[in-house]
Amino acid sequence: MLGQEAASIGLATRSVVKDQLDAALEATLEHLKKSSPAVLSIAKKAIYAWDSMRFNQGLAVTEKIYLDELMKTEDAQEGVQSFLAKRKPEWKGR
């Protein structure tokens, strides 16, 4: 399956041509650097937890991590509040 096809059916966020890959990677890294370290850490945990499970099991584990860990962080609450207030979030890493 080609990258464009994967993106068009939702298996990938986007597709870039080979000579634009480095620039796309840098843009993605810059975007991630602006994200909450605490939230990224929990997202990484959820991704690794799902890695060796069937879809339904992975979904259940990820949902538990989301509810029991992510939504209890200050940064998750800040993310929701800043979105509703239409302002840039101020991450604390907690």
C-alpha atoms as a PDB file:
ATOM      1  CA  MET A   1       0.000   0.000   0.000  1.00  0.00           C
ATOM      2  CA  LEU A   2       1.338   3.413  -0.898  1.00  0.00           C
ATOM      3  CA  GLY A   3       1.570   6.253   1.602  1.00  0.00           C
ATOM      4  CA  GLN A   4      -1.037   8.333  -0.214  1.00  0.00           C
ATOM      5  CA  GLU A   5      -3.494   5.453  -0.176  1.00  0.00           C
ATOM      6  CA  ALA A   6      -2.840   4.781   3.528  1.00  0.00           C
ATOM      7  CA  ALA A   7      -3.510   8.451   4.318  1.00  0.00           C
ATOM      8  CA  SER A   8      -6.648   8.559   2.180  1.00  0.00           C
ATOM      9  CA  ILE A   9      -8.242   5.650   4.074  1.00  0.00           C
ATOM     10  CA  GLY A  10      -7.162   6.856   7.507  1.00  0.00           C
ATOM     11  CA  LEU A  11      -4.301   4.430   8.230  1.00  0.00           C
ATOM     12  CA  ALA A  12      -1.816   7.305   8.222  1.00  0.00           C
ATOM     13  CA  THR A  13      -2.141  10.952   9.171  1.00  0.00           C
ATOM     14  CA  ARG A  14      -0.479  12.122   5.980  1.00  0.00           C
ATOM     15  CA  SER A  15       1.878  11.158   3.202  1.00  0.00           C
ATOM     16  CA  VAL A  16       4.955  13.022   1.979  1.00  0.00           C
ATOM     17  CA  VAL A  17       7.318  12.452  -0.917  1.00  0.00           C
ATOM     18  CA  LYS A  18      10.794  11.198  -0.059  1.00  0.00           C
ATOM     19  CA  ASP A  19      12.586  14.516  -0.600  1.00  0.00           C
ATOM     20  CA  GLN A  20      10.182  16.238   1.856  1.00  0.00           C
ATOM     21  CA  LEU A  21      10.497  13.587   4.568  1.00  0.00           C
ATOM     22  CA  ASP A  22      13.168  15.384   6.629  1.00  0.00           C
ATOM     23  CA  ALA A  23      11.179  18.634   6.666  1.00  0.00           C
ATOM     24  CA  ALA A  24       7.974  16.788   7.597  1.00  0.00           C
ATOM     25  CA  LEU A  25       9.802  14.976  10.389  1.00  0.00           C
ATOM     26  CA  GLU A  26      11.205  18.240  11.754  1.00  0.00           C
ATOM     27  CA  ALA A  27       7.750  19.846  11.681  1.00  0.00           C
ATOM     28  CA  THR A  28       6.294  16.881  13.564  1.00  0.00           C
ATOM     29  CA  LEU A  29       9.078  17.018  16.158  1.00  0.00           C
ATOM     30  CA  GLU A  30       8.531  20.752  16.669  1.00  0.00           C
ATOM     31  CA  HIS A  31       4.817  20.088  17.181  1.00  0.00           C
ATOM     32  CA  LEU A  32       5.560  17.353  19.751  1.00  0.00           C
ATOM     33  CA  LYS A  33       8.041  19.608  21.593  1.00  0.00           C
ATOM     34  CA  LYS A  34       5.165  22.011  22.271  1.00  0.00           C
ATOM     35  CA  SER A  35       3.084  19.243  23.837  1.00  0.00           C
ATOM     36  CA  SER A  36       2.880  18.348  27.506  1.00  0.00           C
ATOM     37  CA  PRO A  37       5.710  16.005  28.571  1.00  0.00           C
ATOM     38  CA  ALA A  38       3.376  14.308  31.058  1.00  0.00           C
ATOM     39  CA  VAL A  39       0.732  13.665  28.422  1.00  0.00           C
ATOM     40  CA  LEU A  40       3.296  12.415  25.886  1.00  0.00           C
ATOM     41  CA  SER A  41       4.659  10.005  28.484  1.00  0.00           C
ATOM     42  CA  ILE A  42       1.213   8.554  29.147  1.00  0.00           C
ATOM     43  CA  ALA A  43       0.479   8.336  25.416  1.00  0.00           C
ATOM     44  CA  LYS A  44       3.737   6.427  24.921  1.00  0.00           C
ATOM     45  CA  LYS A  45       2.742   4.050  27.727  1.00  0.00           C
ATOM     46  CA  ALA A  46      -0.631   3.414  26.064  1.00  0.00           C
ATOM     47  CA  ILE A  47       0.985   2.766  22.672  1.00  0.00           C
ATOM     48  CA  TYR A  48       3.445   0.263  24.118  1.00  0.00           C
ATOM     49  CA  ALA A  49       0.719  -1.435  26.178  1.00  0.00           C
ATOM     50  CA  TRP A  50      -1.366  -1.952  23.043  1.00  0.00           C
ATOM     51  CA  ASP A  51       1.535  -3.279  20.962  1.00  0.00           C
ATOM     52  CA  SER A  52       1.057  -6.996  21.573  1.00  0.00           C
ATOM     53  CA  MET A  53      -2.703  -7.142  22.192  1.00  0.00           C
ATOM     54  CA  ARG A  54      -5.746  -7.756  20.091  1.00  0.00           C
ATOM     55  CA  PHE A  55      -7.749  -4.671  19.200  1.00  0.00           C
ATOM     56  CA  ASN A  56     -10.443  -5.061  21.877  1.00  0.00           C
ATOM     57  CA  GLN A  57      -7.898  -5.764  24.619  1.00  0.00           C
ATOM     58  CA  GLY A  58      -5.725  -2.846  23.536  1.00  0.00           C
ATOM     59  CA  LEU A  59      -8.700  -0.533  23.454  1.00  0.00           C
ATOM     60  CA  ALA A  60      -9.701  -1.534  26.991  1.00  0.00           C
ATOM     61  CA  VAL A  61      -6.164  -1.024  28.342  1.00  0.00           C
ATOM     62  CA  THR A  62      -5.807   2.309  26.571  1.00  0.00           C
ATOM     63  CA  GLU A  63      -9.178   3.488  27.893  1.00  0.00           C
ATOM     64  CA  LYS A  64      -8.119   2.567  31.439  1.00  0.00           C
ATOM     65  CA  ILE A  65      -4.836   4.476  31.060  1.00  0.00           C
ATOM     66  CA  TYR A  66      -6.756   7.459  29.668  1.00  0.00           C
ATOM     67  CA  LEU A  67      -9.263   7.560  32.521  1.00  0.00           C
ATOM     68  CA  ASP A  68      -7.051   6.465  35.427  1.00  0.00           C
ATOM     69  CA  GLU A  69      -3.873   8.330  34.514  1.00  0.00           C
ATOM     70  CA  LEU A  70      -4.117  10.887  31.734  1.00  0.00           C
ATOM     71  CA  MET A  71      -7.283  12.689  32.813  1.00  0.00           C
ATOM     72  CA  LYS A  72      -5.931  13.018  36.363  1.00  0.00           C
ATOM     73  CA  THR A  73      -2.927  15.077  35.230  1.00  0.00           C
ATOM     74  CA  GLU A  74      -2.830  18.840  35.556  1.00  0.00           C
ATOM     75  CA  ASP A  75      -1.763  19.095  31.924  1.00  0.00           C
ATOM     76  CA  ALA A  76      -4.831  17.189  30.692  1.00  0.00           C
ATOM     77  CA  GLN A  77      -7.067  19.573  32.591  1.00  0.00           C
ATOM     78  CA  GLU A  78      -5.077  22.526  31.248  1.00  0.00           C
ATOM     79  CA  GLY A  79      -5.447  21.164  27.726  1.00  0.00           C
ATOM     80  CA  VAL A  80      -9.227  20.979  28.032  1.00  0.00           C
ATOM     81  CA  GLN A  81      -9.483  24.417  29.661  1.00  0.00           C
ATOM     82  CA  SER A  82      -7.204  26.099  27.121  1.00  0.00           C
ATOM     83  CA  PHE A  83      -9.119  24.516  24.244  1.00  0.00           C
ATOM     84  CA  LEU A  84     -12.436  25.755  25.620  1.00  0.00           C
ATOM     85  CA  ALA A  85     -10.980  29.217  26.258  1.00  0.00           C
ATOM     86  CA  LYS A  86      -9.369  29.251  22.778  1.00  0.00           C
ATOM     87  CA  ARG A  87      -5.932  30.038  24.182  1.00  0.00           C
ATOM     88  CA  LYS A  88      -2.521  28.405  24.030  1.00  0.00           C
ATOM     89  CA  PRO A  89      -1.987  25.836  26.830  1.00  0.00           C
ATOM     90  CA  GLU A  90       0.589  26.417  29.524  1.00  0.00           C
ATOM     91  CA  TRP A  91       2.063  22.973  30.229  1.00  0.00           C
ATOM     92  CA  LYS A  92       3.536  22.182  33.636  1.00  0.00           C
ATOM     93  CA  GLY A  93       4.632  18.615  32.922  1.00  0.00           C
ATOM     94  CA  ARG A  94       2.351  17.232  35.636  1.00  0.00           C
END
